[in-house]
């Protein structure tokens, strides 16, 4: 890397698990072009350039969540206009999965508003996982906290990924959630990893946290024994009725810096440009891809909030010369390095 990029940028062949907060903050504080250059170097060493993994997210059980996450329209504690809906039937989920596959998605994510799933619901979800897997799609679920036994049940059903975000740093966490501890979240990640599932874990930018909080979140993730295979970086969607409906806008460059730091600190991961894209310009999304994002949610809705429609995404990717993973690519990874990392 350039002389102006410090040692904190991991070498392409030696991902680190010993990051310190000052090192992570130093990444954020680099001149913007140096940070992007460093992130792009790491990205090209571990991933096929100009290729984007496409995921579709479906809410299979909506609303009435007992948690008090300050950003979430599905909490029963807030008046957001989101109606509670029971767990979907298998046939409807399968139909939505077929539509996602036809549109180009390679991973189908099923989300349910639970604190933790009940046994009877978990078995129905396991059936969905088996059926969606049979369509040839990768499967992901986000169902709240899991016990080790629940994680094993999902693994046995063929689940590929489990999403459970840390949201922010441990220091800032109490500002946004009181009903579930940071330790609870880490224990779920441990149960998921122990069961042999791939981990999808990231956070949200724009809740009032500081740059240091963003750096601390990434340090927590990067210092796990094994990096998450997917790292979603969300921009807060300010939903009327939630405590964060009047949160201040986040600096777009700060959002891109978060993407770039995640790419450098977790080189194998697919870094997902996740929630908040409806409020992002095409130019901002292009910067996020340049910073190392190589995954998006694809479709018209993320659980209960909007997402750019399929045609807008197709047009944007075409303008940038980006192609969906599995459909070829416009560049090649360097010889002797992984083409797609571990994700």
Protein backbone atom coordinates (compact mmCIF):
# COMPACT_ATOMS: atom_id res chain seq x y z
CA UNK A 1 0.00 0.00 0.00
CA UNK A 2 1.07 3.61 -0.29
CA UNK A 3 3.51 4.97 2.26
CA UNK A 4 0.75 7.18 3.65
CA UNK A 5 -1.37 4.17 4.63
CA UNK A 6 -0.19 2.90 8.04
CA UNK A 7 0.56 -0.63 9.12
CA UNK A 8 -3.00 -0.92 10.43
CA UNK A 9 -4.01 -1.94 6.91
CA UNK A 10 -3.68 -5.73 7.07
CA UNK A 11 -1.66 -7.42 4.37
CA UNK A 12 -3.76 -9.34 1.85
CA UNK A 13 -2.44 -12.68 3.07
CA UNK A 14 -2.53 -12.03 6.80
CA UNK A 15 -5.94 -11.00 8.18
CA UNK A 16 -5.62 -9.70 11.73
CA UNK A 17 -7.56 -10.51 14.89
CA UNK A 18 -5.66 -8.19 17.23
CA UNK A 19 -6.92 -4.73 16.29
CA UNK A 20 -6.82 -1.94 18.84
CA UNK A 21 -9.26 0.93 18.98
CA UNK A 22 -6.55 3.54 18.27
CA UNK A 23 -5.54 1.60 15.15
CA UNK A 24 -9.13 1.46 13.92
CA UNK A 25 -9.65 5.17 14.63
CA UNK A 26 -6.45 5.87 12.69
CA UNK A 27 -8.01 4.21 9.65
CA UNK A 28 -11.06 6.46 9.88
CA UNK A 29 -8.80 9.51 10.17
CA UNK A 30 -6.75 8.81 7.04
CA UNK A 31 -7.11 11.22 4.14
CA UNK A 32 -10.18 9.97 2.29
CA UNK A 33 -8.32 9.01 -0.89
CA UNK A 34 -5.66 7.08 1.04
CA UNK A 35 -8.32 5.15 2.94
CA UNK A 36 -10.20 4.27 -0.24
CA UNK A 37 -6.97 3.27 -1.98
CA UNK A 38 -6.05 0.97 0.92
CA UNK A 39 -9.52 -0.58 1.00
CA UNK A 40 -9.52 -1.16 -2.75
CA UNK A 41 -6.12 -2.88 -2.58
CA UNK A 42 -7.38 -5.27 0.11
CA UNK A 43 -10.65 -5.82 -1.74
CA UNK A 44 -8.94 -6.81 -4.98
CA UNK A 45 -6.62 -9.20 -3.18
CA UNK A 46 -9.49 -11.21 -1.69
CA UNK A 47 -12.44 -10.78 -4.03
CA UNK A 48 -13.21 -10.76 -7.72
CA UNK A 49 -13.40 -7.08 -8.71
CA UNK A 50 -16.60 -5.61 -10.12
CA UNK A 51 -18.75 -8.42 -8.74
CA UNK A 52 -21.62 -7.95 -6.29
CA UNK A 53 -23.37 -10.67 -4.28
CA UNK A 54 -27.15 -10.22 -4.36
CA UNK A 55 -29.33 -11.09 -1.38
CA UNK A 56 -33.08 -10.75 -0.96
CA UNK A 57 -34.60 -10.25 2.49
CA UNK A 58 -38.15 -11.35 3.32
CA UNK A 59 -39.99 -10.65 6.56
CA UNK A 60 -41.59 -14.00 7.35
CA UNK A 61 -43.07 -12.78 10.65
CA UNK A 62 -43.65 -9.06 11.10
CA UNK A 63 -44.18 -6.78 14.10
CA UNK A 64 -45.13 -7.23 17.77
CA UNK A 65 -41.49 -7.61 18.84
CA UNK A 66 -41.11 -7.11 22.62
CA UNK A 67 -37.66 -5.51 22.30
CA UNK A 68 -37.11 -1.73 22.50
CA UNK A 69 -34.46 -1.20 19.79
CA UNK A 70 -34.74 2.56 19.20
CA UNK A 71 -34.42 2.26 15.42
CA UNK A 72 -36.93 -0.54 14.84
CA UNK A 73 -40.47 -0.02 13.50
CA UNK A 74 -41.40 -3.58 14.51
CA UNK A 75 -41.19 -2.95 18.25
CA UNK A 76 -44.54 -3.29 20.01
CA UNK A 77 -43.52 -0.30 22.13
CA UNK A 78 -43.69 2.23 19.28
CA UNK A 79 -46.56 3.51 17.14
CA UNK A 80 -45.13 3.15 13.64
CA UNK A 81 -48.09 1.83 11.68
CA UNK A 82 -46.52 -1.61 11.23
CA UNK A 83 -49.23 -4.22 11.66
CA UNK A 84 -48.38 -7.48 13.38
CA UNK A 85 -48.46 -10.45 11.02
CA UNK A 86 -48.21 -14.14 11.87
CA UNK A 87 -45.50 -16.41 10.55
CA UNK A 88 -45.90 -16.91 6.79
CA UNK A 89 -46.87 -20.23 5.30
CA UNK A 90 -44.34 -22.38 3.51
CA UNK A 91 -45.93 -21.99 0.07
CA UNK A 92 -45.84 -18.18 0.21
CA UNK A 93 -42.21 -18.15 1.31
CA UNK A 94 -41.28 -20.52 -1.51
CA UNK A 95 -43.06 -18.37 -4.07
CA UNK A 96 -41.16 -15.28 -2.88
CA UNK A 97 -37.90 -17.23 -3.00
CA UNK A 98 -38.57 -18.26 -6.60
CA UNK A 99 -39.21 -14.64 -7.54
CA UNK A 100 -35.96 -13.59 -5.85
CA UNK A 101 -34.01 -16.28 -7.67
CA UNK A 102 -35.51 -15.26 -11.01
CA UNK A 103 -34.49 -11.65 -10.35
CA UNK A 104 -30.87 -12.68 -9.80
CA UNK A 105 -30.55 -13.12 -6.04
CA UNK A 106 -28.23 -15.90 -4.87
CA UNK A 107 -29.04 -15.70 -1.16
CA UNK A 108 -32.50 -15.62 0.41
CA UNK A 109 -32.71 -14.16 3.89
CA UNK A 110 -35.70 -14.81 6.15
CA UNK A 111 -36.31 -12.39 9.00
CA UNK A 112 -38.73 -12.71 11.88
CA UNK A 113 -39.47 -10.23 14.67
CA UNK A 114 -38.72 -12.36 17.71
CA UNK A 115 -36.77 -11.87 20.89
CA UNK A 116 -36.06 -15.58 20.45
CA UNK A 117 -38.08 -18.06 18.35
CA UNK A 118 -40.44 -20.51 20.03
CA UNK A 119 -39.89 -24.22 19.40
CA UNK A 120 -43.03 -24.65 17.26
CA UNK A 121 -42.06 -21.68 15.07
CA UNK A 122 -38.47 -22.80 14.76
CA UNK A 123 -39.54 -26.13 13.31
CA UNK A 124 -41.69 -24.37 10.70
CA UNK A 125 -38.77 -22.11 9.83
CA UNK A 126 -36.51 -25.15 9.52
CA UNK A 127 -38.95 -26.51 6.94
CA UNK A 128 -38.70 -23.22 5.04
CA UNK A 129 -34.91 -23.44 5.11
CA UNK A 130 -34.96 -26.96 3.67
CA UNK A 131 -37.37 -25.95 0.91
CA UNK A 132 -35.51 -22.75 -0.07
CA UNK A 133 -32.20 -24.62 -0.09
CA UNK A 134 -33.73 -27.13 -2.48
CA UNK A 135 -34.26 -24.25 -4.95
CA UNK A 136 -30.49 -23.81 -5.13
CA UNK A 137 -30.40 -20.59 -3.10
CA UNK A 138 -28.11 -19.89 -0.18
CA UNK A 139 -30.20 -19.43 2.96
CA UNK A 140 -29.93 -16.91 5.77
CA UNK A 141 -32.14 -16.26 8.79
CA UNK A 142 -32.41 -13.54 11.40
CA UNK A 143 -34.69 -14.57 14.25
CA UNK A 144 -33.29 -12.86 17.33
CA UNK A 145 -31.36 -14.65 20.04
CA UNK A 146 -30.58 -18.34 19.63
CA UNK A 147 -29.54 -21.02 22.08
CA UNK A 148 -26.87 -23.52 20.99
CA UNK A 149 -29.60 -26.14 20.46
CA UNK A 150 -31.64 -23.78 18.26
CA UNK A 151 -28.57 -22.95 16.20
CA UNK A 152 -27.91 -26.66 15.67
CA UNK A 153 -31.53 -27.19 14.58
CA UNK A 154 -31.13 -24.55 11.87
CA UNK A 155 -27.77 -25.95 10.81
CA UNK A 156 -29.27 -29.43 10.52
CA UNK A 157 -32.01 -27.97 8.31
CA UNK A 158 -29.37 -26.70 5.90
CA UNK A 159 -29.18 -23.02 6.90
CA UNK A 160 -26.05 -21.35 5.48
CA UNK A 161 -25.91 -18.00 7.29
CA UNK A 162 -27.32 -16.52 10.48
CA UNK A 163 -27.62 -12.74 10.88
CA UNK A 164 -27.39 -11.16 14.30
CA UNK A 165 -26.07 -7.60 14.29
CA UNK A 166 -24.21 -5.96 17.17
CA UNK A 167 -25.61 -2.61 15.96
CA UNK A 168 -22.94 -0.39 17.56
CA UNK A 169 -20.14 -0.37 20.09
CA UNK A 170 -20.70 -1.86 23.51
CA UNK A 171 -20.28 1.62 25.03
CA UNK A 172 -23.06 3.15 22.90
CA UNK A 173 -25.32 0.12 22.91
CA UNK A 174 -27.25 1.10 26.05
CA UNK A 175 -28.33 4.31 24.32
CA UNK A 176 -30.42 2.37 21.81
CA UNK A 177 -31.46 -0.91 23.49
CA UNK A 178 -32.27 -1.89 27.07
CA UNK A 179 -34.11 -5.21 26.63
CA UNK A 180 -31.17 -7.26 25.35
CA UNK A 181 -27.55 -6.93 26.45
CA UNK A 182 -24.46 -6.77 24.30
CA UNK A 183 -23.35 -10.00 25.96
CA UNK A 184 -26.61 -11.63 24.84
CA UNK A 185 -25.74 -10.77 21.26
CA UNK A 186 -22.19 -12.06 21.54
CA UNK A 187 -23.46 -15.31 23.06
CA UNK A 188 -25.81 -15.81 20.10
CA UNK A 189 -22.90 -15.26 17.71
CA UNK A 190 -20.90 -17.85 19.64
CA UNK A 191 -23.77 -20.36 19.46
CA UNK A 192 -24.14 -19.77 15.73
CA UNK A 193 -20.43 -20.24 15.09
CA UNK A 194 -20.26 -23.33 17.30
CA UNK A 195 -23.09 -24.90 15.28
CA UNK A 196 -21.03 -24.48 12.11
CA UNK A 197 -23.11 -21.71 10.56
CA UNK A 198 -21.65 -18.76 8.68
CA UNK A 199 -22.00 -15.50 10.59
CA UNK A 200 -23.60 -12.35 9.21
CA UNK A 201 -23.01 -9.48 11.64
CA UNK A 202 -22.61 -5.73 11.31
CA UNK A 203 -24.09 -2.50 12.56
CA UNK A 204 -25.94 0.74 11.92
CA UNK A 205 -24.41 4.12 11.14
CA UNK A 206 -26.27 7.30 12.03
CA UNK A 207 -27.90 6.62 15.41
CA UNK A 208 -25.96 9.39 17.15
CA UNK A 209 -22.86 7.32 17.79
CA UNK A 210 -19.37 8.78 17.50
CA UNK A 211 -16.64 7.86 15.06
CA UNK A 212 -14.92 6.07 17.95
CA UNK A 213 -18.09 3.99 18.47
CA UNK A 214 -17.99 2.96 14.82
CA UNK A 215 -14.34 2.02 15.18
CA UNK A 216 -15.05 0.03 18.36
CA UNK A 217 -17.83 -1.92 16.64
CA UNK A 218 -15.46 -2.95 13.86
CA UNK A 219 -12.76 -3.86 16.38
CA UNK A 220 -15.20 -6.16 18.18
CA UNK A 221 -16.10 -7.89 14.91
CA UNK A 222 -12.54 -8.06 13.56
CA UNK A 223 -11.18 -9.51 16.81
CA UNK A 224 -13.59 -12.44 16.88
CA UNK A 225 -11.75 -15.74 16.53
CA UNK A 226 -13.19 -15.98 13.02
CA UNK A 227 -14.32 -12.92 11.11
CA UNK A 228 -17.99 -12.81 10.07
CA UNK A 229 -18.46 -14.05 6.53
CA UNK A 230 -20.87 -11.17 5.87
CA UNK A 231 -20.71 -7.70 7.42
CA UNK A 232 -23.79 -5.55 6.71
CA UNK A 233 -23.23 -1.82 7.15
CA UNK A 234 -26.62 -0.14 7.50
CA UNK A 235 -27.43 3.55 7.33
CA UNK A 236 -30.17 4.40 9.80
CA UNK A 237 -33.65 4.54 8.29
CA UNK A 238 -35.47 7.13 10.39
CA UNK A 239 -38.93 5.69 10.87
CA UNK A 240 -41.67 8.00 12.25
CA UNK A 241 -42.78 6.79 15.67
CA UNK A 242 -39.40 5.40 16.70
CA UNK A 243 -37.13 7.24 19.18
CA UNK A 244 -34.62 7.89 16.38
CA UNK A 245 -37.09 9.44 13.93
CA UNK A 246 -35.37 12.85 14.29
CA UNK A 247 -31.77 11.62 14.32
CA UNK A 248 -29.32 13.89 12.53
CA UNK A 249 -28.10 13.01 9.06
CA UNK A 250 -24.83 11.11 8.99
CA UNK A 251 -22.05 12.55 6.85
CA UNK A 252 -22.05 10.45 3.64
CA UNK A 253 -18.25 10.35 3.64
CA UNK A 254 -18.31 9.01 7.19
CA UNK A 255 -20.59 6.20 6.02
CA UNK A 256 -18.14 5.37 3.21
CA UNK A 257 -15.24 5.49 5.67
CA UNK A 258 -17.04 2.85 7.74
CA UNK A 259 -17.37 0.61 4.67
CA UNK A 260 -13.67 1.07 3.86
CA UNK A 261 -12.51 0.37 7.41
CA UNK A 262 -14.64 -2.79 7.52
CA UNK A 263 -13.10 -3.95 4.24
CA UNK A 264 -9.54 -3.43 5.50
CA UNK A 265 -10.13 -4.97 8.92
CA UNK A 266 -12.08 -8.01 7.65
CA UNK A 267 -10.64 -8.69 4.19
CA UNK A 268 -12.33 -12.06 3.62
CA UNK A 269 -15.85 -10.84 4.45
CA UNK A 270 -18.52 -9.78 2.04
CA UNK A 271 -19.24 -6.22 3.14
CA UNK A 272 -22.89 -5.51 2.46
CA UNK A 273 -24.21 -2.09 1.52
CA UNK A 274 -27.40 -2.67 3.43
CA UNK A 275 -30.34 -0.62 4.80
CA UNK A 276 -30.74 3.03 3.89
CA UNK A 277 -29.99 2.78 0.18
CA UNK A 278 -33.27 4.45 -0.82
CA UNK A 279 -31.88 7.69 0.64
CA UNK A 280 -28.49 7.29 -1.04
CA UNK A 281 -27.60 8.85 -4.36
CA UNK A 282 -26.13 6.67 -7.08
CA UNK A 283 -22.86 8.51 -6.54
CA UNK A 284 -22.77 7.64 -2.84
CA UNK A 285 -23.46 3.99 -3.59
CA UNK A 286 -20.68 4.03 -6.19
CA UNK A 287 -18.28 5.34 -3.55
CA UNK A 288 -19.36 2.54 -1.20
CA UNK A 289 -18.55 -0.05 -3.88
CA UNK A 290 -15.21 1.64 -4.45
CA UNK A 291 -14.57 1.40 -0.70
CA UNK A 292 -15.02 -2.37 -0.79
CA UNK A 293 -18.73 -3.10 -0.50
CA UNK A 294 -19.48 -6.19 -2.59
CA UNK A 295 -22.95 -7.25 -1.50
CA UNK A 296 -26.39 -5.63 -1.49
CA UNK A 297 -29.94 -6.43 -0.51
CA UNK A 298 -31.88 -6.73 -3.73
CA UNK A 299 -35.63 -6.20 -3.93
CA UNK A 300 -38.26 -3.66 -3.01
CA UNK A 301 -38.43 -4.08 0.76
CA UNK A 302 -36.14 -4.80 3.70
CA UNK A 303 -38.42 -6.34 6.33
CA UNK A 304 -40.69 -3.28 6.73
CA UNK A 305 -38.65 -0.45 5.19
CA UNK A 306 -38.15 0.44 1.55
CA UNK A 307 -35.30 -0.60 -0.72
CA UNK A 308 -34.43 0.50 -4.28
CA UNK A 309 -36.43 -1.46 -6.81
CA UNK A 310 -34.87 -4.14 -8.96
CA UNK A 311 -34.73 -2.04 -12.13
CA UNK A 312 -32.98 0.85 -10.40
CA UNK A 313 -30.36 -1.54 -9.06
CA UNK A 314 -29.86 -3.20 -12.42
CA UNK A 315 -29.41 0.17 -14.06
CA UNK A 316 -26.95 1.35 -11.43
CA UNK A 317 -24.86 -1.81 -11.60
CA UNK A 318 -24.78 -1.60 -15.41
CA UNK A 319 -23.64 2.04 -15.27
CA UNK A 320 -20.80 1.05 -12.95
CA UNK A 321 -19.83 -2.06 -14.89
CA UNK A 322 -20.66 -4.27 -11.91
CA UNK A 323 -22.20 -7.70 -12.36
CA UNK A 324 -24.05 -10.02 -9.97
CA UNK A 325 -21.97 -12.77 -8.45
CA UNK A 326 -22.22 -15.96 -10.49
CA UNK A 327 -22.80 -14.16 -13.81
CA UNK A 328 -19.18 -13.53 -14.71
CA UNK A 329 -17.11 -10.48 -13.92
CA UNK A 330 -15.30 -7.58 -15.51
CA UNK A 331 -12.02 -8.14 -13.66
CA UNK A 332 -9.96 -10.87 -12.08
CA UNK A 333 -8.50 -11.45 -8.67
CA UNK A 334 -4.71 -11.60 -8.48
CA UNK A 335 -3.17 -15.00 -9.09
CA UNK A 336 -2.71 -17.10 -5.97
CA UNK A 337 -5.28 -15.26 -3.86
CA UNK A 338 -8.88 -16.22 -3.07
CA UNK A 339 -11.38 -15.07 -5.67
CA UNK A 340 -14.28 -14.73 -3.26
CA UNK A 341 -12.75 -15.10 0.19
CA UNK A 342 -14.60 -17.32 2.61
CA UNK A 343 -18.10 -15.97 2.04
